[in-house]
Amino acid sequence: MENYVSDVQKLKTIIADDSFDPKIRIEAIKALGKVGTNEAMQELLNIIANDKANILDRKEAWKQVGKVLKF
């Protein structure tokens, strides 16, 4: 479990850093969706709710939430 927490923290750092290429941020969001922990889901929802986040990041986070919730 501790491994997942550190992985989620690393992914959150990549996603929040606008200096990373958008493709890398999208891949980090997809990876967050695959983690499947509560913390990962909460971060995906935070991305969706952040109106200052990149629109492509928000759309990908929404897709990942849909996959996790199976809708």
PDB file of N, CA and C in Angstrom:
ATOM      1  N   MET A   1       0.827  -1.195   0.000  1.00  0.00           N
ATOM      2  CA  MET A   1       0.000   0.000   0.000  1.00  0.00           C
ATOM      3  C   MET A   1       0.869   1.257   0.000  1.00  0.00           C
ATOM      4  N   GLU A   2       1.958   1.190   0.750  1.00  0.00           N
ATOM      5  CA  GLU A   2       2.843   2.344   0.827  1.00  0.00           C
ATOM      6  C   GLU A   2       3.415   2.682  -0.552  1.00  0.00           C
ATOM      7  N   ASN A   3       3.655   1.648  -1.348  1.00  0.00           N
ATOM      8  CA  ASN A   3       4.150   1.850  -2.708  1.00  0.00           C
ATOM      9  C   ASN A   3       3.155   2.651  -3.540  1.00  0.00           C
ATOM     10  N   TYR A   4       1.874   2.315  -3.417  1.00  0.00           N
ATOM     11  CA  TYR A   4       0.841   3.024  -4.165  1.00  0.00           C
ATOM     12  C   TYR A   4       0.779   4.496  -3.771  1.00  0.00           C
ATOM     13  N   VAL A   5       0.945   4.759  -2.482  1.00  0.00           N
ATOM     14  CA  VAL A   5       0.885   6.140  -2.007  1.00  0.00           C
ATOM     15  C   VAL A   5       2.009   6.953  -2.617  1.00  0.00           C
ATOM     16  N   SER A   6       3.218   6.407  -2.651  1.00  0.00           N
ATOM     17  CA  SER A   6       4.328   7.148  -3.245  1.00  0.00           C
ATOM     18  C   SER A   6       4.144   7.292  -4.750  1.00  0.00           C
ATOM     19  N   ASP A   7       3.582   6.271  -5.404  1.00  0.00           N
ATOM     20  CA  ASP A   7       3.315   6.362  -6.842  1.00  0.00           C
ATOM     21  C   ASP A   7       2.289   7.452  -7.138  1.00  0.00           C
ATOM     22  N   VAL A   8       1.244   7.508  -6.324  1.00  0.00           N
ATOM     23  CA  VAL A   8       0.207   8.528  -6.516  1.00  0.00           C
ATOM     24  C   VAL A   8       0.812   9.915  -6.320  1.00  0.00           C
ATOM     25  N   GLN A   9       1.666  10.067  -5.324  1.00  0.00           N
ATOM     26  CA  GLN A   9       2.310  11.363  -5.080  1.00  0.00           C
ATOM     27  C   GLN A   9       3.161  11.781  -6.281  1.00  0.00           C
ATOM     28  N   LYS A  10       3.903  10.843  -6.847  1.00  0.00           N
ATOM     29  CA  LYS A  10       4.734  11.146  -8.021  1.00  0.00           C
ATOM     30  C   LYS A  10       3.861  11.547  -9.206  1.00  0.00           C
ATOM     31  N   LEU A  11       2.783  10.810  -9.421  1.00  0.00           N
ATOM     32  CA  LEU A  11       1.885  11.124 -10.531  1.00  0.00           C
ATOM     33  C   LEU A  11       1.224  12.484 -10.336  1.00  0.00           C
ATOM     34  N   LYS A  12       0.834  12.797  -9.104  1.00  0.00           N
ATOM     35  CA  LYS A  12       0.226  14.100  -8.810  1.00  0.00           C
ATOM     36  C   LYS A  12       1.195  15.226  -9.134  1.00  0.00           C
ATOM     37  N   THR A  13       2.465  15.021  -8.822  1.00  0.00           N
ATOM     38  CA  THR A  13       3.489  16.030  -9.101  1.00  0.00           C
ATOM     39  C   THR A  13       3.628  16.258 -10.605  1.00  0.00           C
ATOM     40  N   ILE A  14       3.639  15.189 -11.364  1.00  0.00           N
ATOM     41  CA  ILE A  14       3.751  15.311 -12.831  1.00  0.00           C
ATOM     42  C   ILE A  14       2.536  16.040 -13.399  1.00  0.00           C
ATOM     43  N   ILE A  15       1.361  15.663 -12.961  1.00  0.00           N
ATOM     44  CA  ILE A  15       0.123  16.248 -13.486  1.00  0.00           C
ATOM     45  C   ILE A  15       0.031  17.733 -13.158  1.00  0.00           C
ATOM     46  N   ALA A  16       0.465  18.110 -11.982  1.00  0.00           N
ATOM     47  CA  ALA A  16       0.354  19.508 -11.555  1.00  0.00           C
ATOM     48  C   ALA A  16       1.382  20.418 -12.216  1.00  0.00           C
ATOM     49  N   ASP A  17       2.429  19.855 -12.777  1.00  0.00           N
ATOM     50  CA  ASP A  17       3.517  20.652 -13.354  1.00  0.00           C
ATOM     51  C   ASP A  17       3.247  20.926 -14.834  1.00  0.00           C
ATOM     52  N   ASP A  18       2.878  22.156 -15.145  1.00  0.00           N
ATOM     53  CA  ASP A  18       2.562  22.521 -16.530  1.00  0.00           C
ATOM     54  C   ASP A  18       3.781  22.541 -17.444  1.00  0.00           C
ATOM     55  N   SER A  19       4.975  22.445 -16.879  1.00  0.00           N
ATOM     56  CA  SER A  19       6.169  22.440 -17.723  1.00  0.00           C
ATOM     57  C   SER A  19       6.361  21.085 -18.423  1.00  0.00           C
ATOM     58  N   PHE A  20       5.666  20.040 -17.915  1.00  0.00           N
ATOM     59  CA  PHE A  20       5.717  18.747 -18.589  1.00  0.00           C
ATOM     60  C   PHE A  20       4.891  18.804 -19.861  1.00  0.00           C
ATOM     61  N   ASP A  21       5.313  18.027 -20.835  1.00  0.00           N
ATOM     62  CA  ASP A  21       4.575  17.904 -22.090  1.00  0.00           C
ATOM     63  C   ASP A  21       3.159  17.389 -21.787  1.00  0.00           C
ATOM     64  N   PRO A  22       2.143  17.922 -22.469  1.00  0.00           N
ATOM     65  CA  PRO A  22       0.767  17.460 -22.216  1.00  0.00           C
ATOM     66  C   PRO A  22       0.594  15.943 -22.373  1.00  0.00           C
ATOM     67  N   LYS A  23       1.325  15.337 -23.294  1.00  0.00           N
ATOM     68  CA  LYS A  23       1.219  13.888 -23.490  1.00  0.00           C
ATOM     69  C   LYS A  23       1.679  13.134 -22.248  1.00  0.00           C
ATOM     70  N   ILE A  24       2.705  13.649 -21.592  1.00  0.00           N
ATOM     71  CA  ILE A  24       3.206  13.013 -20.377  1.00  0.00           C
ATOM     72  C   ILE A  24       2.183  13.154 -19.259  1.00  0.00           C
ATOM     73  N   ARG A  25       1.571  14.339 -19.157  1.00  0.00           N
ATOM     74  CA  ARG A  25       0.543  14.541 -18.128  1.00  0.00           C
ATOM     75  C   ARG A  25      -0.651  13.618 -18.357  1.00  0.00           C
ATOM     76  N   ILE A  26      -1.047  13.441 -19.615  1.00  0.00           N
ATOM     77  CA  ILE A  26      -2.170  12.551 -19.939  1.00  0.00           C
ATOM     78  C   ILE A  26      -1.822  11.112 -19.555  1.00  0.00           C
ATOM     79  N   GLU A  27      -0.594  10.695 -19.835  1.00  0.00           N
ATOM     80  CA  GLU A  27      -0.175   9.343 -19.467  1.00  0.00           C
ATOM     81  C   GLU A  27      -0.168   9.176 -17.952  1.00  0.00           C
ATOM     82  N   ALA A  28       0.216  10.224 -17.226  1.00  0.00           N
ATOM     83  CA  ALA A  28       0.194  10.167 -15.765  1.00  0.00           C
ATOM     84  C   ALA A  28      -1.240  10.046 -15.253  1.00  0.00           C
ATOM     85  N   ILE A  29      -2.177  10.733 -15.897  1.00  0.00           N
ATOM     86  CA  ILE A  29      -3.590  10.639 -15.510  1.00  0.00           C
ATOM     87  C   ILE A  29      -4.113   9.225 -15.779  1.00  0.00           C
ATOM     88  N   LYS A  30      -3.732   8.655 -16.910  1.00  0.00           N
ATOM     89  CA  LYS A  30      -4.135   7.275 -17.220  1.00  0.00           C
ATOM     90  C   LYS A  30      -3.566   6.307 -16.184  1.00  0.00           C
ATOM     91  N   ALA A  31      -2.326   6.538 -15.793  1.00  0.00           N
ATOM     92  CA  ALA A  31      -1.702   5.684 -14.777  1.00  0.00           C
ATOM     93  C   ALA A  31      -2.426   5.820 -13.442  1.00  0.00           C
ATOM     94  N   LEU A  32      -2.856   7.034 -13.111  1.00  0.00           N
ATOM     95  CA  LEU A  32      -3.622   7.247 -11.881  1.00  0.00           C
ATOM     96  C   LEU A  32      -4.902   6.427 -11.905  1.00  0.00           C
ATOM     97  N   GLY A  33      -5.545   6.376 -13.060  1.00  0.00           N
ATOM     98  CA  GLY A  33      -6.773   5.600 -13.193  1.00  0.00           C
ATOM     99  C   GLY A  33      -6.546   4.120 -12.972  1.00  0.00           C
ATOM    100  N   LYS A  34      -5.355   3.635 -13.290  1.00  0.00           N
ATOM    101  CA  LYS A  34      -5.038   2.216 -13.130  1.00  0.00           C
ATOM    102  C   LYS A  34      -4.648   1.857 -11.704  1.00  0.00           C
ATOM    103  N   VAL A  35      -4.260   2.846 -10.906  1.00  0.00           N
ATOM    104  CA  VAL A  35      -3.837   2.567  -9.528  1.00  0.00           C
ATOM    105  C   VAL A  35      -4.999   2.006  -8.721  1.00  0.00           C
ATOM    106  N   GLY A  36      -6.161   2.636  -8.829  1.00  0.00           N
ATOM    107  CA  GLY A  36      -7.362   2.098  -8.203  1.00  0.00           C
ATOM    108  C   GLY A  36      -7.507   2.298  -6.704  1.00  0.00           C
ATOM    109  N   THR A  37      -6.747   3.193  -6.127  1.00  0.00           N
ATOM    110  CA  THR A  37      -6.904   3.465  -4.694  1.00  0.00           C
ATOM    111  C   THR A  37      -7.835   4.653  -4.496  1.00  0.00           C
ATOM    112  N   ASN A  38      -8.279   4.822  -3.261  1.00  0.00           N
ATOM    113  CA  ASN A  38      -9.137   5.969  -2.944  1.00  0.00           C
ATOM    114  C   ASN A  38      -8.404   7.280  -3.201  1.00  0.00           C
ATOM    115  N   GLU A  39      -7.124   7.319  -2.850  1.00  0.00           N
ATOM    116  CA  GLU A  39      -6.344   8.540  -3.056  1.00  0.00           C
ATOM    117  C   GLU A  39      -6.233   8.867  -4.547  1.00  0.00           C
ATOM    118  N   ALA A  40      -6.043   7.853  -5.379  1.00  0.00           N
ATOM    119  CA  ALA A  40      -5.955   8.071  -6.821  1.00  0.00           C
ATOM    120  C   ALA A  40      -7.283   8.595  -7.367  1.00  0.00           C
ATOM    121  N   MET A  41      -8.388   8.005  -6.919  1.00  0.00           N
ATOM    122  CA  MET A  41      -9.710   8.458  -7.356  1.00  0.00           C
ATOM    123  C   MET A  41      -9.962   9.893  -6.905  1.00  0.00           C
ATOM    124  N   GLN A  42      -9.569  10.199  -5.680  1.00  0.00           N
ATOM    125  CA  GLN A  42      -9.750  11.559  -5.171  1.00  0.00           C
ATOM    126  C   GLN A  42      -8.954  12.548  -6.015  1.00  0.00           C
ATOM    127  N   GLU A  43      -7.758  12.186  -6.408  1.00  0.00           N
ATOM    128  CA  GLU A  43      -6.949  13.087  -7.237  1.00  0.00           C
ATOM    129  C   GLU A  43      -7.580  13.274  -8.616  1.00  0.00           C
ATOM    130  N   LEU A  44      -8.119  12.220  -9.196  1.00  0.00           N
ATOM    131  CA  LEU A  44      -8.813  12.349 -10.486  1.00  0.00           C
ATOM    132  C   LEU A  44      -9.997  13.311 -10.357  1.00  0.00           C
ATOM    133  N   LEU A  45     -10.744  13.182  -9.278  1.00  0.00           N
ATOM    134  CA  LEU A  45     -11.885  14.079  -9.064  1.00  0.00           C
ATOM    135  C   LEU A  45     -11.421  15.516  -8.828  1.00  0.00           C
ATOM    136  N   ASN A  46     -10.279  15.677  -8.166  1.00  0.00           N
ATOM    137  CA  ASN A  46      -9.721  17.019  -7.962  1.00  0.00           C
ATOM    138  C   ASN A  46      -9.338  17.666  -9.291  1.00  0.00           C
ATOM    139  N   ILE A  47      -8.793  16.873 -10.203  1.00  0.00           N
ATOM    140  CA  ILE A  47      -8.434  17.400 -11.525  1.00  0.00           C
ATOM    141  C   ILE A  47      -9.693  17.865 -12.255  1.00  0.00           C
ATOM    142  N   ILE A  48     -10.736  17.054 -12.206  1.00  0.00           N
ATOM    143  CA  ILE A  48     -11.991  17.400 -12.868  1.00  0.00           C
ATOM    144  C   ILE A  48     -12.573  18.685 -12.288  1.00  0.00           C
ATOM    145  N   ALA A  49     -12.517  18.824 -10.986  1.00  0.00           N
ATOM    146  CA  ALA A  49     -13.119  19.976 -10.315  1.00  0.00           C
ATOM    147  C   ALA A  49     -12.303  21.261 -10.456  1.00  0.00           C
ATOM    148  N   ASN A  50     -11.034  21.141 -10.800  1.00  0.00           N
ATOM    149  CA  ASN A  50     -10.158  22.309 -10.895  1.00  0.00           C
ATOM    150  C   ASN A  50     -10.405  23.037 -12.221  1.00  0.00           C
ATOM    151  N   ASP A  51     -11.092  24.164 -12.161  1.00  0.00           N
ATOM    152  CA  ASP A  51     -11.408  24.891 -13.392  1.00  0.00           C
ATOM    153  C   ASP A  51     -10.181  25.580 -13.995  1.00  0.00           C
ATOM    154  N   LYS A  52      -9.060  25.591 -13.288  1.00  0.00           N
ATOM    155  CA  LYS A  52      -7.825  26.159 -13.826  1.00  0.00           C
ATOM    156  C   LYS A  52      -6.950  25.101 -14.496  1.00  0.00           C
ATOM    157  N   ALA A  53      -7.339  23.845 -14.367  1.00  0.00           N
ATOM    158  CA  ALA A  53      -6.574  22.754 -14.983  1.00  0.00           C
ATOM    159  C   ALA A  53      -6.789  22.765 -16.491  1.00  0.00           C
ATOM    160  N   ASN A  54      -5.828  22.225 -17.196  1.00  0.00           N
ATOM    161  CA  ASN A  54      -5.896  22.093 -18.645  1.00  0.00           C
ATOM    162  C   ASN A  54      -7.136  21.274 -19.015  1.00  0.00           C
ATOM    163  N   ILE A  55      -7.861  21.712 -20.020  1.00  0.00           N
ATOM    164  CA  ILE A  55      -9.108  21.050 -20.408  1.00  0.00           C
ATOM    165  C   ILE A  55      -8.870  19.603 -20.850  1.00  0.00           C
ATOM    166  N   LEU A  56      -7.753  19.342 -21.514  1.00  0.00           N
ATOM    167  CA  LEU A  56      -7.456  17.969 -21.931  1.00  0.00           C
ATOM    168  C   LEU A  56      -7.182  17.077 -20.721  1.00  0.00           C
ATOM    169  N   ASP A  57      -6.520  17.644 -19.721  1.00  0.00           N
ATOM    170  CA  ASP A  57      -6.277  16.893 -18.486  1.00  0.00           C
ATOM    171  C   ASP A  57      -7.598  16.567 -17.809  1.00  0.00           C
ATOM    172  N   ARG A  58      -8.496  17.539 -17.773  1.00  0.00           N
ATOM    173  CA  ARG A  58      -9.807  17.331 -17.130  1.00  0.00           C
ATOM    174  C   ARG A  58     -10.623  16.281 -17.874  1.00  0.00           C
ATOM    175  N   LYS A  59     -10.596  16.306 -19.209  1.00  0.00           N
ATOM    176  CA  LYS A  59     -11.342  15.318 -19.993  1.00  0.00           C
ATOM    177  C   LYS A  59     -10.794  13.912 -19.763  1.00  0.00           C
ATOM    178  N   GLU A  60      -9.469  13.789 -19.728  1.00  0.00           N
ATOM    179  CA  GLU A  60      -8.866  12.473 -19.512  1.00  0.00           C
ATOM    180  C   GLU A  60      -9.165  11.967 -18.103  1.00  0.00           C
ATOM    181  N   ALA A  61      -9.134  12.857 -17.127  1.00  0.00           N
ATOM    182  CA  ALA A  61      -9.473  12.457 -15.760  1.00  0.00           C
ATOM    183  C   ALA A  61     -10.917  11.953 -15.709  1.00  0.00           C
ATOM    184  N   TRP A  62     -11.808  12.617 -16.414  1.00  0.00           N
ATOM    185  CA  TRP A  62     -13.217  12.192 -16.466  1.00  0.00           C
ATOM    186  C   TRP A  62     -13.331  10.795 -17.082  1.00  0.00           C
ATOM    187  N   LYS A  63     -12.582  10.540 -18.161  1.00  0.00           N
ATOM    188  CA  LYS A  63     -12.591   9.215 -18.790  1.00  0.00           C
ATOM    189  C   LYS A  63     -12.119   8.152 -17.807  1.00  0.00           C
ATOM    190  N   GLN A  64     -11.068   8.471 -17.071  1.00  0.00           N
ATOM    191  CA  GLN A  64     -10.513   7.499 -16.125  1.00  0.00           C
ATOM    192  C   GLN A  64     -11.483   7.213 -14.990  1.00  0.00           C
ATOM    193  N   VAL A  65     -12.162   8.224 -14.510  1.00  0.00           N
ATOM    194  CA  VAL A  65     -13.168   8.022 -13.461  1.00  0.00           C
ATOM    195  C   VAL A  65     -14.275   7.120 -13.995  1.00  0.00           C
ATOM    196  N   GLY A  66     -14.687   7.362 -15.231  1.00  0.00           N
ATOM    197  CA  GLY A  66     -15.717   6.524 -15.839  1.00  0.00           C
ATOM    198  C   GLY A  66     -15.297   5.068 -15.941  1.00  0.00           C
ATOM    199  N   LYS A  67     -14.032   4.848 -16.283  1.00  0.00           N
ATOM    200  CA  LYS A  67     -13.529   3.473 -16.372  1.00  0.00           C
ATOM    201  C   LYS A  67     -13.502   2.800 -15.000  1.00  0.00           C
ATOM    202  N   VAL A  68     -13.081   3.555 -14.003  1.00  0.00           N
ATOM    203  CA  VAL A  68     -13.016   2.986 -12.649  1.00  0.00           C
ATOM    204  C   VAL A  68     -14.413   2.659 -12.135  1.00  0.00           C
ATOM    205  N   LEU A  69     -15.363   3.569 -12.407  1.00  0.00           N
ATOM    206  CA  LEU A  69     -16.746   3.354 -11.942  1.00  0.00           C
ATOM    207  C   LEU A  69     -17.568   2.509 -12.904  1.00  0.00           C
ATOM    208  N   LYS A  70     -16.999   2.188 -14.054  1.00  0.00           N
ATOM    209  CA  LYS A  70     -17.633   1.321 -15.053  1.00  0.00           C
ATOM    210  C   LYS A  70     -18.914   1.905 -15.651  1.00  0.00           C
ATOM    211  N   PHE A  71     -18.831   3.207 -16.044  1.00  0.00           N
ATOM    212  CA  PHE A  71     -19.976   3.786 -16.753  1.00  0.00           C
ATOM    213  C   PHE A  71     -19.550   4.442 -18.016  1.00  0.00           C
TER     214      PHE A  71
END
